[in-house]
PDB file of N, CA and C in Angstrom:
ATOM      1  N   MET A   1    -100.935   9.753 -51.517  1.00  0.00           N
ATOM      2  CA  MET A   1    -101.899  10.778 -51.214  1.00  0.00           C
ATOM      3  C   MET A   1    -101.409  11.518 -49.972  1.00  0.00           C
ATOM      4  N   MET A   2    -101.627  12.814 -49.950  1.00  0.00           N
ATOM      5  CA  MET A   2    -101.271  13.647 -48.810  1.00  0.00           C
ATOM      6  C   MET A   2    -102.497  14.474 -48.428  1.00  0.00           C
ATOM      7  N   ARG A   3    -102.788  14.522 -47.137  1.00  0.00           N
ATOM      8  CA  ARG A   3    -103.913  15.321 -46.645  1.00  0.00           C
ATOM      9  C   ARG A   3    -103.389  16.260 -45.563  1.00  0.00           C
ATOM     10  N   VAL A   4    -103.739  17.533 -45.705  1.00  0.00           N
ATOM     11  CA  VAL A   4    -103.294  18.553 -44.770  1.00  0.00           C
ATOM     12  C   VAL A   4    -104.523  19.326 -44.295  1.00  0.00           C
ATOM     13  N   GLU A   5    -104.608  19.539 -43.001  1.00  0.00           N
ATOM     14  CA  GLU A   5    -105.673  20.361 -42.440  1.00  0.00           C
ATOM     15  C   GLU A   5    -105.040  21.640 -41.916  1.00  0.00           C
ATOM     16  N   ILE A   6    -105.537  22.773 -42.401  1.00  0.00           N
ATOM     17  CA  ILE A   6    -104.973  24.048 -41.990  1.00  0.00           C
ATOM     18  C   ILE A   6    -106.086  25.002 -41.562  1.00  0.00           C
ATOM     19  N   PRO A   7    -105.776  25.872 -40.621  1.00  0.00           N
ATOM     20  CA  PRO A   7    -106.778  26.879 -40.241  1.00  0.00           C
ATOM     21  C   PRO A   7    -106.757  28.022 -41.254  1.00  0.00           C
ATOM     22  N   PRO A   8    -107.875  28.287 -41.912  1.00  0.00           N
ATOM     23  CA  PRO A   8    -107.928  29.394 -42.866  1.00  0.00           C
ATOM     24  C   PRO A   8    -108.092  30.732 -42.142  1.00  0.00           C
ATOM     25  N   LYS A   9    -108.225  31.795 -42.911  1.00  0.00           N
ATOM     26  CA  LYS A   9    -108.334  33.138 -42.360  1.00  0.00           C
ATOM     27  C   LYS A   9    -109.600  33.343 -41.532  1.00  0.00           C
ATOM     28  N   ARG A  10    -110.667  32.692 -41.894  1.00  0.00           N
ATOM     29  CA  ARG A  10    -111.962  32.912 -41.243  1.00  0.00           C
ATOM     30  C   ARG A  10    -112.126  32.012 -40.017  1.00  0.00           C
ATOM     31  N   LYS A  11    -112.498  32.596 -38.902  1.00  0.00           N
ATOM     32  CA  LYS A  11    -112.706  31.854 -37.661  1.00  0.00           C
ATOM     33  C   LYS A  11    -113.878  30.876 -37.808  1.00  0.00           C
ATOM     34  N   GLY A  12    -113.704  29.679 -37.249  1.00  0.00           N
ATOM     35  CA  GLY A  12    -114.763  28.683 -37.296  1.00  0.00           C
ATOM     36  C   GLY A  12    -114.662  27.726 -38.471  1.00  0.00           C
ATOM     37  N   HIS A  13    -113.791  28.048 -39.429  1.00  0.00           N
ATOM     38  CA  HIS A  13    -113.617  27.210 -40.609  1.00  0.00           C
ATOM     39  C   HIS A  13    -112.375  26.334 -40.445  1.00  0.00           C
ATOM     40  N   GLN A  14    -112.376  25.207 -41.105  1.00  0.00           N
ATOM     41  CA  GLN A  14    -111.209  24.330 -41.189  1.00  0.00           C
ATOM     42  C   GLN A  14    -111.048  23.973 -42.655  1.00  0.00           C
ATOM     43  N   LEU A  15    -109.847  24.149 -43.183  1.00  0.00           N
ATOM     44  CA  LEU A  15    -109.593  23.871 -44.587  1.00  0.00           C
ATOM     45  C   LEU A  15    -108.827  22.566 -44.712  1.00  0.00           C
ATOM     46  N   ILE A  16    -109.336  21.656 -45.528  1.00  0.00           N
ATOM     47  CA  ILE A  16    -108.698  20.365 -45.750  1.00  0.00           C
ATOM     48  C   ILE A  16    -108.240  20.315 -47.207  1.00  0.00           C
ATOM     49  N   ILE A  17    -106.950  20.066 -47.378  1.00  0.00           N
ATOM     50  CA  ILE A  17    -106.360  19.973 -48.715  1.00  0.00           C
ATOM     51  C   ILE A  17    -105.849  18.554 -48.898  1.00  0.00           C
ATOM     52  N   THR A  18    -106.297  17.894 -49.964  1.00  0.00           N
ATOM     53  CA  THR A  18    -105.841  16.550 -50.278  1.00  0.00           C
ATOM     54  C   THR A  18    -105.228  16.575 -51.668  1.00  0.00           C
ATOM     55  N   PHE A  19    -104.037  16.007 -51.790  1.00  0.00           N
ATOM     56  CA  PHE A  19    -103.342  15.923 -53.072  1.00  0.00           C
ATOM     57  C   PHE A  19    -102.822  14.503 -53.251  1.00  0.00           C
ATOM     58  N   GLY A  20    -102.962  13.970 -54.445  1.00  0.00           N
ATOM     59  CA  GLY A  20    -102.460  12.626 -54.700  1.00  0.00           C
ATOM     60  C   GLY A  20    -102.531  12.276 -56.166  1.00  0.00           C
ATOM     61  N   THR A  21    -102.110  11.064 -56.462  1.00  0.00           N
ATOM     62  CA  THR A  21    -102.188  10.588 -57.835  1.00  0.00           C
ATOM     63  C   THR A  21    -103.589  10.054 -58.106  1.00  0.00           C
ATOM     64  N   ALA A  22    -103.942  10.056 -59.370  1.00  0.00           N
ATOM     65  CA  ALA A  22    -105.261   9.587 -59.796  1.00  0.00           C
ATOM     66  C   ALA A  22    -105.067   8.603 -60.946  1.00  0.00           C
ATOM     67  N   PRO A  23    -106.086   7.809 -61.253  1.00  0.00           N
ATOM     68  CA  PRO A  23    -105.966   6.884 -62.389  1.00  0.00           C
ATOM     69  C   PRO A  23    -105.728   7.658 -63.689  1.00  0.00           C
ATOM     70  N   ALA A  24    -104.738   7.244 -64.431  1.00  0.00           N
ATOM     71  CA  ALA A  24    -104.411   7.904 -65.701  1.00  0.00           C
ATOM     72  C   ALA A  24    -105.142   7.220 -66.848  1.00  0.00           C
ATOM     73  N   GLU A  25    -105.330   7.964 -67.926  1.00  0.00           N
ATOM     74  CA  GLU A  25    -105.998   7.419 -69.104  1.00  0.00           C
ATOM     75  C   GLU A  25    -105.141   6.386 -69.819  1.00  0.00           C
ATOM     76  N   SER A  26    -103.824   6.532 -69.721  1.00  0.00           N
ATOM     77  CA  SER A  26    -102.911   5.570 -70.350  1.00  0.00           C
ATOM     78  C   SER A  26    -101.620   5.526 -69.536  1.00  0.00           C
ATOM     79  N   PRO A  27    -100.802   4.489 -69.721  1.00  0.00           N
ATOM     80  CA  PRO A  27     -99.562   4.380 -68.964  1.00  0.00           C
ATOM     81  C   PRO A  27     -98.528   5.462 -69.299  1.00  0.00           C
ATOM     82  N   GLU A  28     -98.681   6.134 -70.420  1.00  0.00           N
ATOM     83  CA  GLU A  28     -97.713   7.151 -70.836  1.00  0.00           C
ATOM     84  C   GLU A  28     -97.915   8.505 -70.152  1.00  0.00           C
ATOM     85  N   VAL A  29     -99.012   8.667 -69.450  1.00  0.00           N
ATOM     86  CA  VAL A  29     -99.299   9.947 -68.800  1.00  0.00           C
ATOM     87  C   VAL A  29     -99.501   9.734 -67.306  1.00  0.00           C
ATOM     88  N   SER A  30     -99.382  10.827 -66.574  1.00  0.00           N
ATOM     89  CA  SER A  30     -99.687  10.764 -65.146  1.00  0.00           C
ATOM     90  C   SER A  30    -100.872  11.684 -64.865  1.00  0.00           C
ATOM     91  N   ALA A  31    -101.557  11.396 -63.805  1.00  0.00           N
ATOM     92  CA  ALA A  31    -102.708  12.212 -63.424  1.00  0.00           C
ATOM     93  C   ALA A  31    -102.639  12.467 -61.917  1.00  0.00           C
ATOM     94  N   GLU A  32    -102.961  13.671 -61.532  1.00  0.00           N
ATOM     95  CA  GLU A  32    -102.980  14.048 -60.128  1.00  0.00           C
ATOM     96  C   GLU A  32    -104.337  14.646 -59.791  1.00  0.00           C
ATOM     97  N   MET A  33    -104.653  14.641 -58.509  1.00  0.00           N
ATOM     98  CA  MET A  33    -105.903  15.252 -58.061  1.00  0.00           C
ATOM     99  C   MET A  33    -105.606  16.222 -56.928  1.00  0.00           C
ATOM    100  N   LEU A  34    -106.396  17.272 -56.876  1.00  0.00           N
ATOM    101  CA  LEU A  34    -106.319  18.258 -55.808  1.00  0.00           C
ATOM    102  C   LEU A  34    -107.737  18.477 -55.322  1.00  0.00           C
ATOM    103  N   ASP A  35    -107.967  18.228 -54.030  1.00  0.00           N
ATOM    104  CA  ASP A  35    -109.297  18.390 -53.448  1.00  0.00           C
ATOM    105  C   ASP A  35    -109.196  19.410 -52.326  1.00  0.00           C
ATOM    106  N   LEU A  36    -109.998  20.456 -52.399  1.00  0.00           N
ATOM    107  CA  LEU A  36    -110.035  21.508 -51.381  1.00  0.00           C
ATOM    108  C   LEU A  36    -111.412  21.491 -50.744  1.00  0.00           C
ATOM    109  N   TYR A  37    -111.442  21.439 -49.437  1.00  0.00           N
ATOM    110  CA  TYR A  37    -112.704  21.254 -48.724  1.00  0.00           C
ATOM    111  C   TYR A  37    -112.720  22.147 -47.499  1.00  0.00           C
ATOM    112  N   ASP A  38    -113.778  22.898 -47.298  1.00  0.00           N
ATOM    113  CA  ASP A  38    -113.921  23.775 -46.140  1.00  0.00           C
ATOM    114  C   ASP A  38    -115.021  23.236 -45.228  1.00  0.00           C
ATOM    115  N   ILE A  39    -114.703  23.117 -43.945  1.00  0.00           N
ATOM    116  CA  ILE A  39    -115.685  22.682 -42.955  1.00  0.00           C
ATOM    117  C   ILE A  39    -115.936  23.855 -42.013  1.00  0.00           C
ATOM    118  N   PHE A  40    -117.186  24.181 -41.811  1.00  0.00           N
ATOM    119  CA  PHE A  40    -117.539  25.259 -40.882  1.00  0.00           C
ATOM    120  C   PHE A  40    -118.232  24.672 -39.667  1.00  0.00           C
ATOM    121  N   SER A  41    -117.720  25.026 -38.504  1.00  0.00           N
ATOM    122  CA  SER A  41    -118.319  24.588 -37.239  1.00  0.00           C
ATOM    123  C   SER A  41    -118.941  25.801 -36.562  1.00  0.00           C
ATOM    124  N   ALA A  42    -120.228  25.900 -36.642  1.00  0.00           N
ATOM    125  CA  ALA A  42    -120.932  27.037 -36.048  1.00  0.00           C
ATOM    126  C   ALA A  42    -121.021  26.862 -34.534  1.00  0.00           C
ATOM    127  N   PRO A  43    -120.740  27.911 -33.777  1.00  0.00           N
ATOM    128  CA  PRO A  43    -120.845  27.813 -32.322  1.00  0.00           C
ATOM    129  C   PRO A  43    -122.290  27.696 -31.846  1.00  0.00           C
ATOM    130  N   GLN A  44    -123.212  28.067 -32.717  1.00  0.00           N
ATOM    131  CA  GLN A  44    -124.638  27.967 -32.406  1.00  0.00           C
ATOM    132  C   GLN A  44    -125.405  27.735 -33.701  1.00  0.00           C
ATOM    133  N   ALA A  45    -126.667  27.458 -33.592  1.00  0.00           N
ATOM    134  CA  ALA A  45    -127.490  27.226 -34.787  1.00  0.00           C
ATOM    135  C   ALA A  45    -127.498  28.477 -35.663  1.00  0.00           C
ATOM    136  N   LEU A  46    -127.438  28.263 -36.966  1.00  0.00           N
ATOM    137  CA  LEU A  46    -127.463  29.373 -37.916  1.00  0.00           C
ATOM    138  C   LEU A  46    -128.878  29.601 -38.420  1.00  0.00           C
ATOM    139  N   SER A  47    -129.189  30.852 -38.690  1.00  0.00           N
ATOM    140  CA  SER A  47    -130.481  31.151 -39.295  1.00  0.00           C
ATOM    141  C   SER A  47    -130.288  31.252 -40.810  1.00  0.00           C
ATOM    142  N   PHE A  48    -131.348  31.091 -41.552  1.00  0.00           N
ATOM    143  CA  PHE A  48    -131.261  31.201 -43.004  1.00  0.00           C
ATOM    144  C   PHE A  48    -130.914  32.617 -43.439  1.00  0.00           C
ATOM    145  N   ASP A  49    -131.140  33.597 -42.562  1.00  0.00           N
ATOM    146  CA  ASP A  49    -130.854  34.987 -42.908  1.00  0.00           C
ATOM    147  C   ASP A  49    -129.362  35.259 -43.073  1.00  0.00           C
ATOM    148  N   ASN A  50    -128.505  34.523 -42.332  1.00  0.00           N
ATOM    149  CA  ASN A  50    -127.074  34.822 -42.402  1.00  0.00           C
ATOM    150  C   ASN A  50    -126.213  33.661 -42.900  1.00  0.00           C
ATOM    151  N   ILE A  51    -126.834  32.611 -43.387  1.00  0.00           N
ATOM    152  CA  ILE A  51    -126.058  31.456 -43.846  1.00  0.00           C
ATOM    153  C   ILE A  51    -125.228  31.783 -45.087  1.00  0.00           C
ATOM    154  N   ASP A  52    -125.702  32.701 -45.921  1.00  0.00           N
ATOM    155  CA  ASP A  52    -124.953  33.103 -47.118  1.00  0.00           C
ATOM    156  C   ASP A  52    -123.558  33.600 -46.763  1.00  0.00           C
ATOM    157  N   LYS A  53    -123.432  34.312 -45.660  1.00  0.00           N
ATOM    158  CA  LYS A  53    -122.148  34.852 -45.213  1.00  0.00           C
ATOM    159  C   LYS A  53    -121.132  33.724 -45.029  1.00  0.00           C
ATOM    160  N   TYR A  54    -121.539  32.641 -44.411  1.00  0.00           N
ATOM    161  CA  TYR A  54    -120.622  31.537 -44.131  1.00  0.00           C
ATOM    162  C   TYR A  54    -120.294  30.734 -45.386  1.00  0.00           C
ATOM    163  N   ILE A  55    -121.232  30.666 -46.307  1.00  0.00           N
ATOM    164  CA  ILE A  55    -120.976  30.004 -47.589  1.00  0.00           C
ATOM    165  C   ILE A  55    -119.956  30.813 -48.389  1.00  0.00           C
ATOM    166  N   VAL A  56    -120.107  32.128 -48.402  1.00  0.00           N
ATOM    167  CA  VAL A  56    -119.150  32.996 -49.098  1.00  0.00           C
ATOM    168  C   VAL A  56    -117.766  32.868 -48.466  1.00  0.00           C
ATOM    169  N   GLU A  57    -117.691  32.854 -47.134  1.00  0.00           N
ATOM    170  CA  GLU A  57    -116.408  32.693 -46.451  1.00  0.00           C
ATOM    171  C   GLU A  57    -115.746  31.366 -46.829  1.00  0.00           C
ATOM    172  N   ALA A  58    -116.518  30.290 -46.850  1.00  0.00           N
ATOM    173  CA  ALA A  58    -115.982  28.974 -47.217  1.00  0.00           C
ATOM    174  C   ALA A  58    -115.441  29.006 -48.647  1.00  0.00           C
ATOM    175  N   HIS A  59    -116.187  29.603 -49.542  1.00  0.00           N
ATOM    176  CA  HIS A  59    -115.744  29.704 -50.939  1.00  0.00           C
ATOM    177  C   HIS A  59    -114.465  30.524 -51.036  1.00  0.00           C
ATOM    178  N   GLU A  60    -114.381  31.631 -50.300  1.00  0.00           N
ATOM    179  CA  GLU A  60    -113.178  32.458 -50.315  1.00  0.00           C
ATOM    180  C   GLU A  60    -111.969  31.683 -49.782  1.00  0.00           C
ATOM    181  N   ASN A  61    -112.168  30.864 -48.748  1.00  0.00           N
ATOM    182  CA  ASN A  61    -111.079  30.044 -48.201  1.00  0.00           C
ATOM    183  C   ASN A  61    -110.568  29.058 -49.245  1.00  0.00           C
ATOM    184  N   ILE A  62    -111.481  28.397 -49.938  1.00  0.00           N
ATOM    185  CA  ILE A  62    -111.105  27.419 -50.957  1.00  0.00           C
ATOM    186  C   ILE A  62    -110.427  28.109 -52.135  1.00  0.00           C
ATOM    187  N   GLU A  63    -110.988  29.212 -52.570  1.00  0.00           N
ATOM    188  CA  GLU A  63    -110.410  29.946 -53.696  1.00  0.00           C
ATOM    189  C   GLU A  63    -109.002  30.432 -53.364  1.00  0.00           C
ATOM    190  N   SER A  64    -108.796  30.942 -52.170  1.00  0.00           N
ATOM    191  CA  SER A  64    -107.486  31.408 -51.740  1.00  0.00           C
ATOM    192  C   SER A  64    -106.472  30.258 -51.719  1.00  0.00           C
ATOM    193  N   ALA A  65    -106.871  29.107 -51.187  1.00  0.00           N
ATOM    194  CA  ALA A  65    -105.981  27.942 -51.146  1.00  0.00           C
ATOM    195  C   ALA A  65    -105.614  27.494 -52.563  1.00  0.00           C
ATOM    196  N   PHE A  66    -106.597  27.484 -53.458  1.00  0.00           N
ATOM    197  CA  PHE A  66    -106.324  27.082 -54.839  1.00  0.00           C
ATOM    198  C   PHE A  66    -105.366  28.060 -55.507  1.00  0.00           C
ATOM    199  N   GLU A  67    -105.645  29.341 -55.401  1.00  0.00           N
ATOM    200  CA  GLU A  67    -104.808  30.351 -56.050  1.00  0.00           C
ATOM    201  C   GLU A  67    -103.375  30.306 -55.528  1.00  0.00           C
ATOM    202  N   ASN A  68    -103.197  29.944 -54.267  1.00  0.00           N
ATOM    203  CA  ASN A  68    -101.855  29.854 -53.688  1.00  0.00           C
ATOM    204  C   ASN A  68    -101.172  28.526 -53.995  1.00  0.00           C
ATOM    205  N   SER A  69    -101.882  27.599 -54.590  1.00  0.00           N
ATOM    206  CA  SER A  69    -101.293  26.286 -54.873  1.00  0.00           C
ATOM    207  C   SER A  69    -100.943  26.083 -56.344  1.00  0.00           C
ATOM    208  N   ILE A  70    -101.364  26.993 -57.207  1.00  0.00           N
ATOM    209  CA  ILE A  70    -101.130  26.808 -58.645  1.00  0.00           C
ATOM    210  C   ILE A  70    -100.087  27.817 -59.129  1.00  0.00           C
ATOM    211  N   THR A  71     -99.212  27.354 -59.988  1.00  0.00           N
ATOM    212  CA  THR A  71     -98.193  28.230 -60.558  1.00  0.00           C
ATOM    213  C   THR A  71     -98.651  28.748 -61.919  1.00  0.00           C
ATOM    214  N   GLN A  72     -97.965  29.760 -62.413  1.00  0.00           N
ATOM    215  CA  GLN A  72     -98.294  30.283 -63.740  1.00  0.00           C
ATOM    216  C   GLN A  72     -98.047  29.226 -64.810  1.00  0.00           C
ATOM    217  N   LYS A  73     -97.016  28.421 -64.628  1.00  0.00           N
ATOM    218  CA  LYS A  73     -96.732  27.350 -65.594  1.00  0.00           C
ATOM    219  C   LYS A  73     -97.897  26.363 -65.648  1.00  0.00           C
ATOM    220  N   SER A  74     -98.486  26.040 -64.507  1.00  0.00           N
ATOM    221  CA  SER A  74     -99.649  25.153 -64.475  1.00  0.00           C
ATOM    222  C   SER A  74    -100.849  25.806 -65.138  1.00  0.00           C
ATOM    223  N   ARG A  75    -101.047  27.082 -64.881  1.00  0.00           N
ATOM    224  CA  ARG A  75    -102.155  27.807 -65.524  1.00  0.00           C
ATOM    225  C   ARG A  75    -102.028  27.741 -67.050  1.00  0.00           C
ATOM    226  N   ASP A  76    -100.811  27.969 -67.542  1.00  0.00           N
ATOM    227  CA  ASP A  76    -100.585  27.931 -68.986  1.00  0.00           C
ATOM    228  C   ASP A  76    -100.850  26.540 -69.547  1.00  0.00           C
ATOM    229  N   LEU A  77    -100.465  25.512 -68.794  1.00  0.00           N
ATOM    230  CA  LEU A  77    -100.647  24.137 -69.242  1.00  0.00           C
ATOM    231  C   LEU A  77    -102.130  23.762 -69.330  1.00  0.00           C
ATOM    232  N   PHE A  78    -102.902  24.127 -68.312  1.00  0.00           N
ATOM    233  CA  PHE A  78    -104.315  23.726 -68.261  1.00  0.00           C
ATOM    234  C   PHE A  78    -105.223  24.667 -69.048  1.00  0.00           C
ATOM    235  N   GLU A  79    -104.830  25.884 -69.256  1.00  0.00           N
ATOM    236  CA  GLU A  79    -105.614  26.896 -69.930  1.00  0.00           C
ATOM    237  C   GLU A  79    -106.878  27.231 -69.148  1.00  0.00           C
ATOM    238  N   GLU A  80    -107.232  28.483 -69.166  1.00  0.00           N
ATOM    239  CA  GLU A  80    -108.415  28.939 -68.448  1.00  0.00           C
ATOM    240  C   GLU A  80    -109.682  28.458 -69.138  1.00  0.00           C
ATOM    241  N   GLU A  81    -110.619  27.970 -68.338  1.00  0.00           N
ATOM    242  CA  GLU A  81    -111.903  27.532 -68.873  1.00  0.00           C
ATOM    243  C   GLU A  81    -112.812  28.741 -68.989  1.00  0.00           C
ATOM    244  N   LYS A  82    -113.485  28.858 -70.130  1.00  0.00           N
ATOM    245  CA  LYS A  82    -114.356  30.023 -70.340  1.00  0.00           C
ATOM    246  C   LYS A  82    -115.796  29.633 -70.338  1.00  0.00           C
TER     247      LYS A  82
END
């Protein structure tokens, strides 16, 4: 397992990326896991009026990390979920 903490584009956020092997369904196959996690540290208490902004930023950080970690070959292998 490998865990990397990187500063994302948005100030106040911390992006944690974990990659490792996972239990496989059978010995003939391998399984991997990718976990993307955003932590936001607010400098002060947040109000409910502006919390959506920080949730959107966290989602954008995770989405950006995912899009930069997957290749076209992987996309073709997994197929897009509809």
